[in-house]
Amino acid sequence: MSDATTAAARVATLRAQLVPSTNPASAAAHSAATSVSASTAAGTPPAGPPPPVDVRALNLLLDHDNYATRDALKELMKSPLFVP
């Protein structure tokens, strides 16, 4: 499988996870889940489970290239050397 095909498959998978379906029932649930309440606007996190997003897949999409180097740098930045 070529890199372009693999990348296209990854984007399609992420899009399916992040974009709500056109089903009216799920669209209503999505709009209710994404509406900003007064407690959220005040800085209090909303109650309930976090959204079902694959964080690793999203990072791969956003980072785009040099995954190992970026992961190593993220770990390095957590070290006490970089604490202000």
N, C-alpha and C. Protein backbone atom coordinates (compact mmCIF):
# COMPACT_ATOMS: atom_id res chain seq x y z
N MET A 1 0.85 -1.17 0.00
CA MET A 1 0.00 0.00 0.00
C MET A 1 0.90 1.23 0.00
N SER A 2 0.62 2.21 -0.83
CA SER A 2 1.48 3.39 -0.94
C SER A 2 1.24 4.34 0.24
N ASP A 3 2.17 5.26 0.42
CA ASP A 3 2.05 6.24 1.51
C ASP A 3 0.81 7.12 1.34
N ALA A 4 0.51 7.50 0.10
CA ALA A 4 -0.66 8.34 -0.16
C ALA A 4 -1.95 7.60 0.18
N THR A 5 -2.01 6.32 -0.14
CA THR A 5 -3.19 5.52 0.18
C THR A 5 -3.34 5.36 1.68
N THR A 6 -2.22 5.11 2.36
CA THR A 6 -2.26 4.97 3.81
C THR A 6 -2.69 6.27 4.47
N ALA A 7 -2.15 7.40 4.00
CA ALA A 7 -2.51 8.70 4.56
C ALA A 7 -3.99 8.98 4.31
N ALA A 8 -4.48 8.67 3.12
CA ALA A 8 -5.89 8.90 2.80
C ALA A 8 -6.79 8.04 3.69
N ALA A 9 -6.37 6.81 3.96
CA ALA A 9 -7.15 5.94 4.84
C ALA A 9 -7.17 6.49 6.26
N ARG A 10 -6.02 7.01 6.73
CA ARG A 10 -5.96 7.59 8.07
C ARG A 10 -6.87 8.81 8.19
N VAL A 11 -6.85 9.67 7.17
CA VAL A 11 -7.69 10.87 7.17
C VAL A 11 -9.16 10.47 7.17
N ALA A 12 -9.52 9.49 6.37
CA ALA A 12 -10.92 9.04 6.32
C ALA A 12 -11.37 8.49 7.67
N THR A 13 -10.49 7.74 8.35
CA THR A 13 -10.82 7.19 9.66
C THR A 13 -11.01 8.31 10.67
N LEU A 14 -10.10 9.28 10.68
CA LEU A 14 -10.22 10.40 11.63
C LEU A 14 -11.46 11.23 11.33
N ARG A 15 -11.73 11.45 10.05
CA ARG A 15 -12.92 12.24 9.70
C ARG A 15 -14.18 11.55 10.19
N ALA A 16 -14.23 10.23 10.07
CA ALA A 16 -15.41 9.47 10.53
C ALA A 16 -15.56 9.59 12.04
N GLN A 17 -14.43 9.68 12.77
CA GLN A 17 -14.49 9.81 14.22
C GLN A 17 -14.87 11.22 14.65
N LEU A 18 -14.42 12.23 13.91
CA LEU A 18 -14.58 13.61 14.35
C LEU A 18 -15.81 14.31 13.80
N VAL A 19 -16.28 13.93 12.62
CA VAL A 19 -17.41 14.59 12.01
C VAL A 19 -18.68 13.83 12.33
N PRO A 20 -19.71 14.52 12.83
CA PRO A 20 -20.94 13.81 13.17
C PRO A 20 -21.64 13.31 11.91
N SER A 21 -22.39 12.24 12.08
CA SER A 21 -23.11 11.68 10.94
C SER A 21 -24.33 12.54 10.62
N THR A 22 -24.99 12.26 9.51
CA THR A 22 -26.15 13.03 9.10
C THR A 22 -27.44 12.46 9.68
N ASN A 23 -27.33 11.43 10.51
CA ASN A 23 -28.50 10.85 11.17
C ASN A 23 -29.07 11.91 12.13
N PRO A 24 -30.40 12.25 12.03
CA PRO A 24 -30.96 13.30 12.89
C PRO A 24 -30.80 13.02 14.38
N ALA A 25 -30.91 11.76 14.79
CA ALA A 25 -30.77 11.44 16.21
C ALA A 25 -29.34 11.70 16.69
N SER A 26 -28.36 11.29 15.90
CA SER A 26 -26.98 11.52 16.30
C SER A 26 -26.60 12.98 16.14
N ALA A 27 -27.21 13.67 15.17
CA ALA A 27 -26.94 15.10 15.02
C ALA A 27 -27.45 15.88 16.23
N ALA A 28 -28.61 15.49 16.75
CA ALA A 28 -29.14 16.15 17.94
C ALA A 28 -28.26 15.86 19.15
N ALA A 29 -27.79 14.64 19.26
CA ALA A 29 -26.89 14.29 20.37
C ALA A 29 -25.59 15.05 20.24
N HIS A 30 -25.09 15.20 19.01
CA HIS A 30 -23.83 15.94 18.81
C HIS A 30 -24.00 17.41 19.16
N SER A 31 -25.12 18.02 18.74
CA SER A 31 -25.32 19.44 19.05
C SER A 31 -25.49 19.64 20.55
N ALA A 32 -26.12 18.70 21.24
CA ALA A 32 -26.26 18.80 22.68
C ALA A 32 -24.91 18.63 23.37
N ALA A 33 -24.08 17.76 22.83
CA ALA A 33 -22.77 17.50 23.44
C ALA A 33 -21.80 18.64 23.18
N THR A 34 -21.97 19.37 22.08
CA THR A 34 -21.02 20.43 21.74
C THR A 34 -21.49 21.81 22.14
N SER A 35 -22.69 21.93 22.67
CA SER A 35 -23.16 23.25 23.09
C SER A 35 -22.39 23.69 24.34
N VAL A 36 -22.16 24.98 24.44
CA VAL A 36 -21.40 25.52 25.56
C VAL A 36 -22.38 25.91 26.66
N SER A 37 -22.21 25.31 27.81
CA SER A 37 -23.07 25.65 28.93
C SER A 37 -22.42 26.75 29.75
N ALA A 38 -23.15 27.28 30.72
CA ALA A 38 -22.61 28.34 31.57
C ALA A 38 -21.44 27.83 32.39
N SER A 39 -21.51 26.58 32.87
CA SER A 39 -20.41 26.05 33.67
C SER A 39 -19.15 25.86 32.83
N THR A 40 -19.31 25.47 31.56
CA THR A 40 -18.15 25.31 30.69
C THR A 40 -17.53 26.66 30.39
N ALA A 41 -18.38 27.66 30.14
CA ALA A 41 -17.87 29.00 29.84
C ALA A 41 -17.15 29.59 31.05
N ALA A 42 -17.56 29.19 32.25
CA ALA A 42 -16.94 29.70 33.47
C ALA A 42 -15.63 29.00 33.78
N GLY A 43 -15.27 28.00 33.03
CA GLY A 43 -14.00 27.32 33.24
C GLY A 43 -14.14 25.97 33.90
N THR A 44 -15.32 25.58 34.33
CA THR A 44 -15.54 24.28 34.93
C THR A 44 -15.70 23.26 33.83
N PRO A 45 -14.95 22.16 33.88
CA PRO A 45 -15.11 21.16 32.82
C PRO A 45 -16.50 20.54 32.86
N PRO A 46 -17.04 20.19 31.69
CA PRO A 46 -18.37 19.58 31.65
C PRO A 46 -18.34 18.19 32.27
N ALA A 47 -19.47 17.80 32.85
CA ALA A 47 -19.58 16.48 33.45
C ALA A 47 -19.72 15.43 32.36
N GLY A 48 -19.32 14.23 32.66
CA GLY A 48 -19.48 13.14 31.71
C GLY A 48 -18.16 12.66 31.17
N PRO A 49 -18.22 11.60 30.40
CA PRO A 49 -16.98 11.03 29.86
C PRO A 49 -16.40 11.92 28.76
N PRO A 50 -15.10 11.83 28.53
CA PRO A 50 -14.50 12.61 27.45
C PRO A 50 -14.95 12.08 26.10
N PRO A 51 -14.86 12.89 25.06
CA PRO A 51 -15.30 12.44 23.74
C PRO A 51 -14.43 11.28 23.24
N PRO A 52 -15.01 10.37 22.46
CA PRO A 52 -14.27 9.20 21.98
C PRO A 52 -13.37 9.55 20.79
N VAL A 53 -12.24 10.18 21.08
CA VAL A 53 -11.30 10.56 20.04
C VAL A 53 -9.99 9.81 20.26
N ASP A 54 -9.46 9.24 19.23
CA ASP A 54 -8.18 8.56 19.30
C ASP A 54 -7.08 9.61 19.26
N VAL A 55 -6.52 9.92 20.43
CA VAL A 55 -5.55 11.00 20.56
C VAL A 55 -4.30 10.72 19.73
N ARG A 56 -3.83 9.49 19.72
CA ARG A 56 -2.63 9.15 18.96
C ARG A 56 -2.86 9.37 17.46
N ALA A 57 -4.02 8.95 16.95
CA ALA A 57 -4.32 9.14 15.54
C ALA A 57 -4.43 10.63 15.19
N LEU A 58 -5.02 11.41 16.09
CA LEU A 58 -5.14 12.85 15.87
C LEU A 58 -3.77 13.51 15.87
N ASN A 59 -2.88 13.08 16.79
CA ASN A 59 -1.51 13.61 16.80
C ASN A 59 -0.78 13.27 15.51
N LEU A 60 -0.96 12.06 14.99
CA LEU A 60 -0.31 11.69 13.73
C LEU A 60 -0.79 12.57 12.59
N LEU A 61 -2.07 12.91 12.60
CA LEU A 61 -2.61 13.77 11.55
C LEU A 61 -2.08 15.19 11.68
N LEU A 62 -2.04 15.72 12.90
CA LEU A 62 -1.61 17.10 13.10
C LEU A 62 -0.10 17.26 12.98
N ASP A 63 0.68 16.30 13.48
CA ASP A 63 2.13 16.41 13.43
C ASP A 63 2.66 16.20 12.02
N HIS A 64 2.02 15.40 11.23
CA HIS A 64 2.25 15.18 9.81
C HIS A 64 3.54 14.44 9.47
N ASP A 65 4.64 14.70 10.13
CA ASP A 65 5.90 14.10 9.71
C ASP A 65 6.84 14.01 10.91
N ASN A 66 7.86 13.19 10.82
CA ASN A 66 8.87 13.06 11.87
C ASN A 66 8.25 12.69 13.22
N TYR A 67 7.41 11.67 13.23
CA TYR A 67 6.68 11.29 14.44
C TYR A 67 7.61 10.94 15.59
N ALA A 68 8.63 10.15 15.33
CA ALA A 68 9.54 9.72 16.39
C ALA A 68 10.28 10.90 16.99
N THR A 69 10.73 11.82 16.15
CA THR A 69 11.44 13.00 16.64
C THR A 69 10.52 13.88 17.47
N ARG A 70 9.31 14.07 17.01
CA ARG A 70 8.36 14.91 17.75
C ARG A 70 8.00 14.26 19.10
N ASP A 71 7.80 12.94 19.11
CA ASP A 71 7.50 12.25 20.37
C ASP A 71 8.66 12.38 21.34
N ALA A 72 9.89 12.23 20.84
CA ALA A 72 11.07 12.37 21.70
C ALA A 72 11.19 13.79 22.25
N LEU A 73 10.91 14.78 21.43
CA LEU A 73 10.98 16.17 21.90
C LEU A 73 9.90 16.46 22.94
N LYS A 74 8.70 15.91 22.73
CA LYS A 74 7.64 16.10 23.72
C LYS A 74 8.03 15.51 25.07
N GLU A 75 8.67 14.33 25.05
CA GLU A 75 9.14 13.72 26.30
C GLU A 75 10.26 14.54 26.91
N LEU A 76 11.16 15.07 26.08
CA LEU A 76 12.26 15.89 26.59
C LEU A 76 11.74 17.15 27.24
N MET A 77 10.71 17.76 26.67
CA MET A 77 10.15 19.00 27.23
C MET A 77 9.48 18.77 28.58
N LYS A 78 9.16 17.53 28.92
CA LYS A 78 8.57 17.22 30.22
C LYS A 78 9.62 17.11 31.31
N SER A 79 10.89 17.08 30.95
CA SER A 79 11.96 16.90 31.93
C SER A 79 12.13 18.15 32.79
N PRO A 80 12.70 18.00 33.99
CA PRO A 80 12.90 19.14 34.89
C PRO A 80 13.79 20.24 34.30
N LEU A 81 14.57 19.91 33.33
CA LEU A 81 15.44 20.89 32.68
C LEU A 81 14.63 22.04 32.10
N PHE A 82 13.41 21.76 31.62
CA PHE A 82 12.61 22.78 30.96
C PHE A 82 11.51 23.36 31.84
N VAL A 83 11.54 23.07 33.13
CA VAL A 83 10.55 23.64 34.05
C VAL A 83 11.03 25.03 34.44
N PRO A 84 10.18 26.05 34.29
CA PRO A 84 10.62 27.42 34.60
C PRO A 84 10.91 27.63 36.08
